Amino acid sequence: MPIEADDPRPGGSSRGRGLHVACIMDGNGRWAGSRGLPRTDGHTEGEENLARLVRVAVQRDIGHLTVFGFSTENWRRPRPEVRHILGLHEKLFGRVAELNELNVRIRWIGRPFDSREARTPRYVQRAIRKAIADTADNTGMMLTVAFDYGGRSELVSAVEQARSSPAGITTESISEHLYLPDLPPVDVLVRTSGERRVSNFLLWQAAGAAIYFTDAPWPDFDAAELDAALDLVVAR
């Protein structure tokens, strides 16, 4: 079911103005299992729901939306499931027309393609590069997709590079060597499907974030859930 645009004002809601919302999109497989469907159907619906949620986030005037698409640990999943998820990410990064319509700029965060540990297939790399280039002139919300990403790997990489900086290893030098140094701190971190863990996601950037846990699996995470997460920040 599409997420409805429930704010009647022409400009939409400004309740999330400029905020950075980060989402751990969990529960696709469980959503499918509860309906007697293959896990891959859950991942497909999860990708569709992300597209719906992007539209709602734009309405809420959120500045940054960062989503955990595929972790460094997810490569251990069954090969057919991994292949399906890779195809969905190629599709996600291919939604350029929709992103341009919404004035959304897309970026990627993860292990650099030229690093020894990187595992992103070349066809997904091409889709990522093209999406970044084709949306680079957009001035609205920043959608950052974490793919082949792990918070610990990011911090190890940052510390290794910070060692050679004139100041040595400091908070500032580590921040300067993160995968995306200009990614702002997370204001609210969302975790769906009843789990109460942060799962190696944006460990540095989310250090002071409010955390919104919900029992809803990712395919059911809708506008009302997003508003409830934003309320945690408004209430501070």
C-alpha atoms as a PDB file:
ATOM      1  CA  MET A   1       0.000   0.000   0.000  1.00  0.00           C
ATOM      2  CA  PRO A   2       1.461   3.411  -0.910  1.00  0.00           C
ATOM      3  CA  ILE A   3       2.244   5.803   1.903  1.00  0.00           C
ATOM      4  CA  GLU A   4      -0.237   8.633   1.734  1.00  0.00           C
ATOM      5  CA  ALA A   5       0.827  12.259   1.601  1.00  0.00           C
ATOM      6  CA  ASP A   6      -1.152  13.242   4.682  1.00  0.00           C
ATOM      7  CA  ASP A   7      -0.143  16.902   5.014  1.00  0.00           C
ATOM      8  CA  PRO A   8      -2.608  19.147   3.156  1.00  0.00           C
ATOM      9  CA  ARG A   9      -0.303  22.160   2.948  1.00  0.00           C
ATOM     10  CA  PRO A  10       1.278  22.723  -0.482  1.00  0.00           C
ATOM     11  CA  GLY A  11       4.778  22.751   0.952  1.00  0.00           C
ATOM     12  CA  GLY A  12       4.276  19.614   3.017  1.00  0.00           C
ATOM     13  CA  SER A  13       5.330  19.284   6.635  1.00  0.00           C
ATOM     14  CA  SER A  14       8.488  20.926   7.980  1.00  0.00           C
ATOM     15  CA  ARG A  15       8.619  18.807  11.147  1.00  0.00           C
ATOM     16  CA  GLY A  16      11.867  17.131  10.014  1.00  0.00           C
ATOM     17  CA  ARG A  17      13.500  20.264   8.643  1.00  0.00           C
ATOM     18  CA  GLY A  18      17.182  19.637   8.084  1.00  0.00           C
ATOM     19  CA  LEU A  19      17.305  16.532  10.300  1.00  0.00           C
ATOM     20  CA  HIS A  20      19.410  13.452   9.602  1.00  0.00           C
ATOM     21  CA  VAL A  21      17.344  10.268   9.878  1.00  0.00           C
ATOM     22  CA  ALA A  22      19.134   6.916   9.600  1.00  0.00           C
ATOM     23  CA  CYS A  23      17.242   3.645   9.125  1.00  0.00           C
ATOM     24  CA  ILE A  24      18.204   0.031   9.753  1.00  0.00           C
ATOM     25  CA  MET A  25      15.690  -1.572   7.401  1.00  0.00           C
ATOM     26  CA  ASP A  26      15.106  -4.875   9.184  1.00  0.00           C
ATOM     27  CA  GLY A  27      12.375  -7.478   8.902  1.00  0.00           C
ATOM     28  CA  ASN A  28      11.899  -8.008   5.153  1.00  0.00           C
ATOM     29  CA  GLY A  29      12.309 -11.762   5.491  1.00  0.00           C
ATOM     30  CA  ARG A  30      10.001 -11.987   8.492  1.00  0.00           C
ATOM     31  CA  TRP A  31       7.395  -9.870   6.693  1.00  0.00           C
ATOM     32  CA  ALA A  32       7.456 -12.355   3.826  1.00  0.00           C
ATOM     33  CA  GLY A  33       7.453 -15.403   6.105  1.00  0.00           C
ATOM     34  CA  SER A  34       4.369 -14.203   7.967  1.00  0.00           C
ATOM     35  CA  ARG A  35       2.557 -14.135   4.622  1.00  0.00           C
ATOM     36  CA  GLY A  36       3.830 -17.481   3.386  1.00  0.00           C
ATOM     37  CA  LEU A  37       6.029 -15.797   0.781  1.00  0.00           C
ATOM     38  CA  PRO A  38       9.704 -16.343  -0.111  1.00  0.00           C
ATOM     39  CA  ARG A  39      12.220 -14.119   1.677  1.00  0.00           C
ATOM     40  CA  THR A  40      13.108 -12.553  -1.662  1.00  0.00           C
ATOM     41  CA  ASP A  41       9.552 -11.188  -1.935  1.00  0.00           C
ATOM     42  CA  GLY A  42      10.110  -9.420   1.363  1.00  0.00           C
ATOM     43  CA  HIS A  43      13.273  -7.777   0.077  1.00  0.00           C
ATOM     44  CA  THR A  44      11.430  -6.689  -3.060  1.00  0.00           C
ATOM     45  CA  GLU A  45       8.654  -5.111  -0.987  1.00  0.00           C
ATOM     46  CA  GLY A  46      11.275  -3.508   1.246  1.00  0.00           C
ATOM     47  CA  GLU A  47      12.866  -1.781  -1.744  1.00  0.00           C
ATOM     48  CA  GLU A  48       9.449  -0.551  -2.882  1.00  0.00           C
ATOM     49  CA  ASN A  49       8.729   0.766   0.606  1.00  0.00           C
ATOM     50  CA  LEU A  50      12.019   2.671   0.624  1.00  0.00           C
ATOM     51  CA  ALA A  51      10.928   4.414  -2.571  1.00  0.00           C
ATOM     52  CA  ARG A  52       7.632   5.327  -0.892  1.00  0.00           C
ATOM     53  CA  LEU A  53       9.360   6.516   2.259  1.00  0.00           C
ATOM     54  CA  VAL A  54      11.729   8.770   0.316  1.00  0.00           C
ATOM     55  CA  ARG A  55       8.703  10.693  -0.914  1.00  0.00           C
ATOM     56  CA  VAL A  56       7.399  11.090   2.624  1.00  0.00           C
ATOM     57  CA  ALA A  57      10.823  12.172   3.896  1.00  0.00           C
ATOM     58  CA  VAL A  58      10.940  14.866   1.209  1.00  0.00           C
ATOM     59  CA  GLN A  59       7.518  16.073   2.359  1.00  0.00           C
ATOM     60  CA  ARG A  60       8.761  16.221   5.932  1.00  0.00           C
ATOM     61  CA  ASP A  61      11.673  18.378   4.762  1.00  0.00           C
ATOM     62  CA  ILE A  62      14.245  15.946   6.152  1.00  0.00           C
ATOM     63  CA  GLY A  63      17.750  17.011   5.186  1.00  0.00           C
ATOM     64  CA  HIS A  64      19.468  13.621   5.146  1.00  0.00           C
ATOM     65  CA  LEU A  65      18.042  10.109   4.940  1.00  0.00           C
ATOM     66  CA  THR A  66      20.635   7.343   5.318  1.00  0.00           C
ATOM     67  CA  VAL A  67      19.581   3.716   4.939  1.00  0.00           C
ATOM     68  CA  PHE A  68      21.401   0.487   5.716  1.00  0.00           C
ATOM     69  CA  GLY A  69      21.049  -1.400   2.456  1.00  0.00           C
ATOM     70  CA  PHE A  70      23.654  -4.149   2.769  1.00  0.00           C
ATOM     71  CA  SER A  71      26.221  -4.704   5.488  1.00  0.00           C
ATOM     72  CA  THR A  72      29.688  -6.230   5.410  1.00  0.00           C
ATOM     73  CA  GLU A  73      28.149  -9.157   7.301  1.00  0.00           C
ATOM     74  CA  ASN A  74      25.283  -9.701   4.842  1.00  0.00           C
ATOM     75  CA  TRP A  75      27.601 -11.454   2.366  1.00  0.00           C
ATOM     76  CA  ARG A  76      27.210 -14.533   4.591  1.00  0.00           C
ATOM     77  CA  ARG A  77      23.564 -14.928   3.616  1.00  0.00           C
ATOM     78  CA  PRO A  78      22.551 -17.666   1.140  1.00  0.00           C
ATOM     79  CA  ARG A  79      23.883 -16.905  -2.324  1.00  0.00           C
ATOM     80  CA  PRO A  80      20.468 -16.737  -4.083  1.00  0.00           C
ATOM     81  CA  GLU A  81      19.254 -14.219  -1.497  1.00  0.00           C
ATOM     82  CA  VAL A  82      22.400 -12.122  -1.914  1.00  0.00           C
ATOM     83  CA  ARG A  83      22.000 -12.135  -5.712  1.00  0.00           C
ATOM     84  CA  HIS A  84      18.404 -10.958  -5.328  1.00  0.00           C
ATOM     85  CA  ILE A  85      19.407  -8.135  -2.981  1.00  0.00           C
ATOM     86  CA  LEU A  86      22.177  -7.064  -5.352  1.00  0.00           C
ATOM     87  CA  GLY A  87      19.648  -6.832  -8.162  1.00  0.00           C
ATOM     88  CA  LEU A  88      17.371  -4.717  -5.982  1.00  0.00           C
ATOM     89  CA  HIS A  89      20.202  -2.315  -5.252  1.00  0.00           C
ATOM     90  CA  GLU A  90      20.927  -2.007  -8.947  1.00  0.00           C
ATOM     91  CA  LYS A  91      17.237  -1.125  -9.339  1.00  0.00           C
ATOM     92  CA  LEU A  92      17.356   1.312  -6.403  1.00  0.00           C
ATOM     93  CA  PHE A  93      20.300   3.199  -7.853  1.00  0.00           C
ATOM     94  CA  GLY A  94      18.498   3.154 -11.184  1.00  0.00           C
ATOM     95  CA  ARG A  95      15.550   5.208  -9.894  1.00  0.00           C
ATOM     96  CA  VAL A  96      17.168   8.377 -11.192  1.00  0.00           C
ATOM     97  CA  ALA A  97      14.031   9.800 -12.812  1.00  0.00           C
ATOM     98  CA  GLU A  98      12.113   9.555  -9.534  1.00  0.00           C
ATOM     99  CA  LEU A  99      14.967  11.076  -7.556  1.00  0.00           C
ATOM    100  CA  ASN A 100      15.321  13.964  -9.993  1.00  0.00           C
ATOM    101  CA  GLU A 101      11.568  14.576  -9.851  1.00  0.00           C
ATOM    102  CA  LEU A 102      11.890  14.873  -6.063  1.00  0.00           C
ATOM    103  CA  ASN A 103      15.111  16.945  -6.264  1.00  0.00           C
ATOM    104  CA  VAL A 104      16.847  14.228  -4.209  1.00  0.00           C
ATOM    105  CA  ARG A 105      20.583  13.706  -4.460  1.00  0.00           C
ATOM    106  CA  ILE A 106      21.798  10.161  -3.911  1.00  0.00           C
ATOM    107  CA  ARG A 107      25.094   9.098  -2.409  1.00  0.00           C
ATOM    108  CA  TRP A 108      26.693   5.861  -1.306  1.00  0.00           C
ATOM    109  CA  ILE A 109      28.677   4.955   1.797  1.00  0.00           C
ATOM    110  CA  GLY A 110      30.678   1.752   2.144  1.00  0.00           C
ATOM    111  CA  ARG A 111      34.044   0.141   1.683  1.00  0.00           C
ATOM    112  CA  PRO A 112      35.850   1.955  -1.154  1.00  0.00           C
ATOM    113  CA  PHE A 113      35.675   0.026  -4.408  1.00  0.00           C
ATOM    114  CA  ASP A 114      39.475  -0.078  -4.678  1.00  0.00           C
ATOM    115  CA  SER A 115      40.067  -1.418  -1.164  1.00  0.00           C
ATOM    116  CA  ARG A 116      41.225  -4.996  -0.669  1.00  0.00           C
ATOM    117  CA  GLU A 117      38.167  -5.879   1.412  1.00  0.00           C
ATOM    118  CA  ALA A 118      35.528  -4.409  -0.935  1.00  0.00           C
ATOM    119  CA  ARG A 119      33.060  -6.885  -2.436  1.00  0.00           C
ATOM    120  CA  THR A 120      30.625  -4.695  -4.378  1.00  0.00           C
ATOM    121  CA  PRO A 121      30.152  -6.254  -7.845  1.00  0.00           C
ATOM    122  CA  ARG A 122      31.130  -4.150 -10.828  1.00  0.00           C
ATOM    123  CA  TYR A 123      27.577  -3.881 -12.178  1.00  0.00           C
ATOM    124  CA  VAL A 124      26.408  -2.436  -8.852  1.00  0.00           C
ATOM    125  CA  GLN A 125      29.429  -0.117  -8.819  1.00  0.00           C
ATOM    126  CA  ARG A 126      28.412   1.172 -12.258  1.00  0.00           C
ATOM    127  CA  ALA A 127      24.840   1.761 -11.080  1.00  0.00           C
ATOM    128  CA  ILE A 128      26.090   3.628  -8.008  1.00  0.00           C
ATOM    129  CA  ARG A 129      28.438   5.866  -9.988  1.00  0.00           C
ATOM    130  CA  LYS A 130      25.766   6.667 -12.561  1.00  0.00           C
ATOM    131  CA  ALA A 131      23.120   7.494  -9.948  1.00  0.00           C
ATOM    132  CA  ILE A 132      25.516   9.790  -8.091  1.00  0.00           C
ATOM    133  CA  ALA A 133      26.452  11.596 -11.304  1.00  0.00           C
ATOM    134  CA  ASP A 134      22.883  11.853 -12.603  1.00  0.00           C
ATOM    135  CA  THR A 135      21.532  13.377  -9.363  1.00  0.00           C
ATOM    136  CA  ALA A 136      24.559  15.513  -8.483  1.00  0.00           C
ATOM    137  CA  ASP A 137      22.854  18.804  -9.363  1.00  0.00           C
ATOM    138  CA  ASN A 138      19.824  18.200  -7.142  1.00  0.00           C
ATOM    139  CA  THR A 139      19.581  20.501  -4.132  1.00  0.00           C
ATOM    140  CA  GLY A 140      16.986  18.788  -1.947  1.00  0.00           C
ATOM    141  CA  MET A 141      17.230  15.888   0.475  1.00  0.00           C
ATOM    142  CA  MET A 142      20.380  13.767   0.500  1.00  0.00           C
ATOM    143  CA  LEU A 143      19.659  10.041   0.269  1.00  0.00           C
ATOM    144  CA  THR A 144      22.695   8.022   1.333  1.00  0.00           C
ATOM    145  CA  VAL A 145      22.650   4.268   0.782  1.00  0.00           C
ATOM    146  CA  ALA A 146      25.024   2.173   2.886  1.00  0.00           C
ATOM    147  CA  PHE A 147      26.141  -0.795   0.793  1.00  0.00           C
ATOM    148  CA  ASP A 148      29.003  -3.144   1.721  1.00  0.00           C
ATOM    149  CA  TYR A 149      29.160  -0.990   4.834  1.00  0.00           C
ATOM    150  CA  GLY A 150      30.247  -1.696   8.392  1.00  0.00           C
ATOM    151  CA  GLY A 151      30.781   0.863  11.126  1.00  0.00           C
ATOM    152  CA  ARG A 152      33.826  -0.950  12.522  1.00  0.00           C
ATOM    153  CA  SER A 153      35.456  -1.176   9.085  1.00  0.00           C
ATOM    154  CA  GLU A 154      34.852   2.543   8.593  1.00  0.00           C
ATOM    155  CA  LEU A 155      36.455   3.410  11.929  1.00  0.00           C
ATOM    156  CA  VAL A 156      39.482   1.175  11.325  1.00  0.00           C
ATOM    157  CA  SER A 157      39.992   2.845   7.946  1.00  0.00           C
ATOM    158  CA  ALA A 158      39.623   6.318   9.460  1.00  0.00           C
ATOM    159  CA  VAL A 159      42.076   5.634  12.294  1.00  0.00           C
ATOM    160  CA  GLU A 160      44.652   4.171   9.911  1.00  0.00           C
ATOM    161  CA  GLN A 161      44.515   7.325   7.796  1.00  0.00           C
ATOM    162  CA  ALA A 162      44.413   9.658  10.819  1.00  0.00           C
ATOM    163  CA  ARG A 163      47.734   8.285  12.037  1.00  0.00           C
ATOM    164  CA  SER A 164      49.532  10.143   9.263  1.00  0.00           C
ATOM    165  CA  SER A 165      47.810  13.479   9.919  1.00  0.00           C
ATOM    166  CA  PRO A 166      49.872  16.238  11.588  1.00  0.00           C
ATOM    167  CA  ALA A 167      47.666  16.171  14.679  1.00  0.00           C
ATOM    168  CA  GLY A 168      47.757  12.397  14.982  1.00  0.00           C
ATOM    169  CA  ILE A 169      44.705  10.461  16.088  1.00  0.00           C
ATOM    170  CA  THR A 170      42.126  12.917  17.397  1.00  0.00           C
ATOM    171  CA  THR A 171      38.357  13.226  17.215  1.00  0.00           C
ATOM    172  CA  GLU A 172      38.773  15.742  14.420  1.00  0.00           C
ATOM    173  CA  SER A 173      41.258  13.712  12.386  1.00  0.00           C
ATOM    174  CA  ILE A 174      39.079  10.592  12.615  1.00  0.00           C
ATOM    175  CA  SER A 175      36.031  12.586  11.496  1.00  0.00           C
ATOM    176  CA  GLU A 176      37.978  13.942   8.540  1.00  0.00           C
ATOM    177  CA  HIS A 177      38.811  10.421   7.317  1.00  0.00           C
ATOM    178  CA  LEU A 178      35.407   8.769   7.542  1.00  0.00           C
ATOM    179  CA  TYR A 179      33.955   7.411   4.285  1.00  0.00           C
ATOM    180  CA  LEU A 180      31.801  10.543   3.916  1.00  0.00           C
ATOM    181  CA  PRO A 181      33.356  13.217   6.138  1.00  0.00           C
ATOM    182  CA  ASP A 182      30.594  15.717   5.381  1.00  0.00           C
ATOM    183  CA  LEU A 183      27.779  13.385   6.465  1.00  0.00           C
ATOM    184  CA  PRO A 184      26.273  15.172   9.491  1.00  0.00           C
ATOM    185  CA  PRO A 185      25.619  13.534  12.855  1.00  0.00           C
ATOM    186  CA  VAL A 186      22.500  11.379  12.997  1.00  0.00           C
ATOM    187  CA  ASP A 187      19.571  12.984  14.818  1.00  0.00           C
ATOM    188  CA  VAL A 188      17.384   9.881  15.042  1.00  0.00           C
ATOM    189  CA  LEU A 189      18.281   6.262  14.329  1.00  0.00           C
ATOM    190  CA  VAL A 190      15.405   3.966  13.351  1.00  0.00           C
ATOM    191  CA  ARG A 191      15.446   0.185  13.807  1.00  0.00           C
ATOM    192  CA  THR A 192      12.461  -1.805  12.574  1.00  0.00           C
ATOM    193  CA  SER A 193      11.090  -5.311  13.215  1.00  0.00           C
ATOM    194  CA  GLY A 194      11.381  -5.440  16.991  1.00  0.00           C
ATOM    195  CA  GLU A 195      15.160  -5.703  17.217  1.00  0.00           C
ATOM    196  CA  ARG A 196      16.899  -3.531  19.833  1.00  0.00           C
ATOM    197  CA  ARG A 197      20.366  -3.345  18.292  1.00  0.00           C
ATOM    198  CA  VAL A 198      22.342  -0.838  16.202  1.00  0.00           C
ATOM    199  CA  SER A 199      24.061  -3.594  14.188  1.00  0.00           C
ATOM    200  CA  ASN A 200      27.359  -1.902  13.301  1.00  0.00           C
ATOM    201  CA  PHE A 201      25.618   1.009  11.554  1.00  0.00           C
ATOM    202  CA  LEU A 202      27.049   4.545  11.619  1.00  0.00           C
ATOM    203  CA  LEU A 203      28.709   3.960  14.983  1.00  0.00           C
ATOM    204  CA  TRP A 204      30.572   7.286  14.894  1.00  0.00           C
ATOM    205  CA  GLN A 205      27.858   9.427  13.320  1.00  0.00           C
ATOM    206  CA  ALA A 206      25.039   8.116  15.543  1.00  0.00           C
ATOM    207  CA  ALA A 207      26.866   8.481  18.858  1.00  0.00           C
ATOM    208  CA  GLY A 208      24.406  11.082  20.184  1.00  0.00           C
ATOM    209  CA  ALA A 209      21.307  10.096  18.251  1.00  0.00           C
ATOM    210  CA  ALA A 210      17.862   9.410  19.616  1.00  0.00           C
ATOM    211  CA  ILE A 211      16.892   5.814  18.827  1.00  0.00           C
ATOM    212  CA  TYR A 212      13.445   4.777  17.639  1.00  0.00           C
ATOM    213  CA  PHE A 213      12.679   1.071  17.902  1.00  0.00           C
ATOM    214  CA  THR A 214       9.503  -0.275  16.352  1.00  0.00           C
ATOM    215  CA  ASP A 215       7.986  -3.741  16.034  1.00  0.00           C
ATOM    216  CA  ALA A 216       6.872  -2.961  12.472  1.00  0.00           C
ATOM    217  CA  PRO A 217       8.927  -4.782   9.827  1.00  0.00           C
ATOM    218  CA  TRP A 218      10.504  -2.516   7.262  1.00  0.00           C
ATOM    219  CA  PRO A 219       7.878  -3.079   4.522  1.00  0.00           C
ATOM    220  CA  ASP A 220       5.235  -1.777   6.979  1.00  0.00           C
ATOM    221  CA  PHE A 221       7.230   1.253   8.147  1.00  0.00           C
ATOM    222  CA  ASP A 222       5.040   4.154   7.037  1.00  0.00           C
ATOM    223  CA  ALA A 223       4.476   7.874   7.426  1.00  0.00           C
ATOM    224  CA  ALA A 224       3.005   7.515  10.919  1.00  0.00           C
ATOM    225  CA  GLU A 225       6.051   5.531  12.081  1.00  0.00           C
ATOM    226  CA  LEU A 226       8.392   8.123  10.603  1.00  0.00           C
ATOM    227  CA  ASP A 227       6.501  10.898  12.381  1.00  0.00           C
ATOM    228  CA  ALA A 228       6.780   9.011  15.668  1.00  0.00           C
ATOM    229  CA  ALA A 229      10.545   8.781  15.163  1.00  0.00           C
ATOM    230  CA  LEU A 230      10.743  12.498  14.413  1.00  0.00           C
ATOM    231  CA  ASP A 231       8.767  13.210  17.586  1.00  0.00           C
ATOM    232  CA  LEU A 232      11.717  11.867  19.607  1.00  0.00           C
ATOM    233  CA  VAL A 233      13.854  14.687  18.270  1.00  0.00           C
ATOM    234  CA  VAL A 234      11.165  17.351  18.595  1.00  0.00           C
ATOM    235  CA  ALA A 235      10.639  16.340  22.234  1.00  0.00           C
ATOM    236  CA  ARG A 236      14.283  16.909  23.141  1.00  0.00           C
END
